[in-house]
Amino acid sequence: MNDLAISLGQKLPVSTADVGDALNELTKGGIDPATLAAGGLESSTNFATASQLGLGQAATIVAKQLGTFAPVGASAAEKAALMTTQMDLMTKVANASTVDVAELSNGLLQAGGTANTVGLSYQEFVTTMGELAPGFNSASEAGTSFKNFLLRLQPSTKSAYDSMQQLYIVTGK
């Protein structure tokens, strides 16, 4: 990992010390060295540059998003690819919205677990949050509201279940 950090520090427009900080944040966030070596560290460094975040802050955001949406049995290569996709989507959505990546990530953290549990894809989730966030005082508030909305889609009475089933909103019991 040390060699990887040094090579990225030489290759990219960041210092080796900053890459080392990102490496520490990513590993503290639970991202394994194989995923980082498979491209996760480099894509996280590129994400920081594209989103105008510090490497440590970008790494923390990436680790939390990957931890929420990565399938349990995903390989290192799959996780590295997912990291790249997530970072690309966050950057694109933030650029199309009035919130920046750091603010958007606060909203994503509020609702990510629920969105993943109910089956939303990462693209659906991030795009929705990019649309919702500008209408709230903060993206974090938008995330909390979206999470509550998703939770309330679960029918709590038989009549609610029957009504939702007639509308094809519920597919199981």
Protein backbone atom coordinates (compact mmCIF):
# COMPACT_ATOMS: atom_id res chain seq x y z
CA MET A 1 0.00 0.00 0.00
CA ASN A 2 2.91 2.29 0.71
CA ASP A 3 4.22 1.84 -2.83
CA LEU A 4 0.75 2.51 -4.23
CA ALA A 5 0.45 5.75 -2.24
CA ILE A 6 3.88 6.89 -3.43
CA SER A 7 3.13 6.08 -7.07
CA LEU A 8 -0.23 7.92 -6.94
CA GLY A 9 1.44 10.89 -5.26
CA GLN A 10 3.82 11.06 -8.21
CA LYS A 11 1.19 10.35 -10.88
CA LEU A 12 -1.66 12.60 -9.71
CA PRO A 13 -1.70 16.31 -8.81
CA VAL A 14 -1.65 15.58 -5.06
CA SER A 15 1.04 14.95 -2.51
CA THR A 16 2.02 11.50 -1.35
CA ALA A 17 1.16 12.57 2.21
CA ASP A 18 -2.38 13.46 1.10
CA VAL A 19 -2.74 10.10 -0.65
CA GLY A 20 -1.57 8.47 2.59
CA ASP A 21 -4.26 10.37 4.51
CA ALA A 22 -6.89 9.19 2.02
CA LEU A 23 -5.58 5.64 2.37
CA ASN A 24 -5.95 5.86 6.15
CA GLU A 25 -9.51 7.20 5.90
CA LEU A 26 -10.54 4.54 3.41
CA THR A 27 -9.13 1.71 5.52
CA LYS A 28 -10.68 3.19 8.69
CA GLY A 29 -13.95 3.19 6.74
CA GLY A 30 -13.64 -0.55 6.22
CA ILE A 31 -12.38 -0.68 2.65
CA ASP A 32 -9.96 -3.55 2.30
CA PRO A 33 -6.49 -3.17 0.75
CA ALA A 34 -7.38 -5.40 -2.22
CA THR A 35 -10.20 -3.00 -3.20
CA LEU A 36 -7.86 -0.04 -2.85
CA ALA A 37 -5.19 -1.74 -4.95
CA ALA A 38 -7.82 -2.66 -7.58
CA GLY A 39 -8.36 1.03 -8.32
CA GLY A 40 -10.31 2.25 -5.31
CA LEU A 41 -7.54 4.49 -3.98
CA GLU A 42 -6.87 6.12 -7.33
CA SER A 43 -10.55 6.71 -8.08
CA SER A 44 -11.06 8.15 -4.59
CA THR A 45 -8.17 10.53 -5.19
CA ASN A 46 -9.62 11.57 -8.55
CA PHE A 47 -13.02 12.05 -6.91
CA ALA A 48 -11.52 14.45 -4.36
CA THR A 49 -10.06 16.53 -7.17
CA ALA A 50 -13.26 16.53 -9.25
CA SER A 51 -15.49 17.39 -6.30
CA GLN A 52 -13.05 19.94 -4.85
CA LEU A 53 -12.85 18.12 -1.52
CA GLY A 54 -9.86 17.29 0.59
CA LEU A 55 -8.63 13.74 0.10
CA GLY A 56 -9.52 12.75 3.67
CA GLN A 57 -13.06 14.14 3.41
CA ALA A 58 -13.60 12.51 0.01
CA ALA A 59 -12.30 9.18 1.32
CA THR A 60 -14.70 9.31 4.27
CA ILE A 61 -17.65 9.95 1.95
CA VAL A 62 -16.60 7.12 -0.38
CA ALA A 63 -16.12 4.63 2.46
CA LYS A 64 -19.56 5.36 3.90
CA GLN A 65 -21.32 5.09 0.53
CA LEU A 66 -19.55 1.85 -0.34
CA GLY A 67 -20.34 0.43 3.10
CA THR A 68 -24.02 1.16 2.56
CA PHE A 69 -24.45 -0.09 -1.00
CA ALA A 70 -21.78 -2.73 -1.70
CA PRO A 71 -23.11 -6.28 -1.88
CA VAL A 72 -21.78 -8.45 0.95
CA GLY A 73 -19.99 -10.93 -1.29
CA ALA A 74 -18.59 -8.42 -3.79
CA SER A 75 -15.03 -8.98 -4.96
CA ALA A 76 -12.34 -6.33 -4.64
CA ALA A 77 -12.67 -5.50 -8.35
CA GLU A 78 -16.46 -5.19 -8.03
CA LYS A 79 -16.11 -2.92 -5.01
CA ALA A 80 -13.53 -0.75 -6.78
CA ALA A 81 -15.86 -0.46 -9.80
CA LEU A 82 -18.78 0.41 -7.52
CA MET A 83 -16.68 3.08 -5.81
CA THR A 84 -15.91 4.64 -9.19
CA THR A 85 -19.57 4.54 -10.22
CA GLN A 86 -20.74 6.03 -6.92
CA MET A 87 -18.22 8.85 -7.02
CA ASP A 88 -19.05 9.63 -10.64
CA LEU A 89 -22.77 9.76 -9.88
CA MET A 90 -22.32 11.95 -6.80
CA THR A 91 -20.20 14.41 -8.79
CA LYS A 92 -22.61 14.53 -11.73
CA VAL A 93 -25.68 14.94 -9.53
CA ALA A 94 -24.05 17.65 -7.43
CA ASN A 95 -22.97 19.50 -10.58
CA ALA A 96 -26.56 19.40 -11.86
CA SER A 97 -27.99 20.46 -8.49
CA THR A 98 -27.58 23.47 -6.24
CA VAL A 99 -25.88 21.37 -3.56
CA ASP A 100 -22.23 20.40 -3.57
CA VAL A 101 -20.87 16.88 -3.08
CA ALA A 102 -20.19 17.36 0.64
CA GLU A 103 -23.73 18.59 1.28
CA LEU A 104 -25.26 15.88 -0.93
CA SER A 105 -23.33 13.21 0.94
CA ASN A 106 -24.94 14.35 4.21
CA GLY A 107 -28.36 13.62 2.74
CA LEU A 108 -27.18 10.32 1.31
CA LEU A 109 -25.99 9.24 4.74
CA GLN A 110 -29.38 9.98 6.27
CA ALA A 111 -31.38 7.79 3.89
CA GLY A 112 -28.87 5.40 2.30
CA GLY A 113 -29.54 2.36 4.46
CA THR A 114 -33.29 2.63 3.99
CA ALA A 115 -32.99 3.27 0.25
CA ASN A 116 -30.78 0.20 -0.14
CA THR A 117 -33.10 -1.93 1.99
CA VAL A 118 -36.19 -1.05 -0.05
CA GLY A 119 -34.35 -1.88 -3.27
CA LEU A 120 -33.51 1.48 -4.82
CA SER A 121 -30.48 1.43 -7.06
CA TYR A 122 -27.67 3.79 -6.17
CA GLN A 123 -28.40 5.82 -9.31
CA GLU A 124 -32.10 6.18 -8.44
CA PHE A 125 -31.23 7.15 -4.90
CA VAL A 126 -28.54 9.74 -5.67
CA THR A 127 -30.59 11.28 -8.49
CA THR A 128 -33.63 11.57 -6.22
CA MET A 129 -31.57 13.18 -3.48
CA GLY A 130 -30.10 15.65 -5.97
CA GLU A 131 -33.62 16.65 -6.99
CA LEU A 132 -34.98 16.83 -3.43
CA ALA A 133 -32.14 18.52 -1.57
CA PRO A 134 -32.53 22.04 -3.02
CA GLY A 135 -36.12 22.16 -1.72
CA PHE A 136 -35.03 21.72 1.90
CA ASN A 137 -32.94 23.75 4.33
CA SER A 138 -30.20 21.16 3.94
CA ALA A 139 -29.53 17.93 2.10
CA SER A 140 -29.42 16.21 5.49
CA GLU A 141 -33.00 17.33 6.16
CA ALA A 142 -34.00 16.12 2.68
CA GLY A 143 -32.39 12.75 3.42
CA THR A 144 -34.29 12.39 6.67
CA SER A 145 -37.57 13.27 4.94
CA PHE A 146 -36.90 10.84 2.11
CA LYS A 147 -36.05 8.09 4.58
CA ASN A 148 -39.34 8.72 6.42
CA PHE A 149 -41.21 8.66 3.12
CA LEU A 150 -39.69 5.31 2.19
CA LEU A 151 -40.45 3.84 5.61
CA ARG A 152 -44.06 4.97 5.42
CA LEU A 153 -44.53 3.11 2.14
CA GLN A 154 -44.63 -0.04 4.27
CA PRO A 155 -48.33 -0.69 4.97
CA SER A 156 -49.08 -1.05 8.67
CA THR A 157 -52.69 -2.27 8.51
CA LYS A 158 -54.49 -4.90 6.47
CA SER A 159 -56.63 -2.31 4.68
CA ALA A 160 -53.54 -0.27 3.80
CA TYR A 161 -51.83 -3.44 2.56
CA ASP A 162 -54.88 -4.38 0.45
CA SER A 163 -55.08 -0.87 -1.04
CA MET A 164 -51.40 -0.79 -1.85
CA GLN A 165 -51.59 -4.25 -3.38
CA GLN A 166 -54.45 -3.11 -5.66
CA LEU A 167 -52.19 -0.29 -6.84
CA TYR A 168 -49.34 -2.79 -7.42
CA ILE A 169 -47.19 -1.03 -4.85
CA VAL A 170 -46.88 -4.13 -2.64
CA THR A 171 -45.68 -7.38 -4.12
CA GLY A 172 -45.35 -9.62 -1.04
CA LYS A 173 -46.83 -10.25 2.40
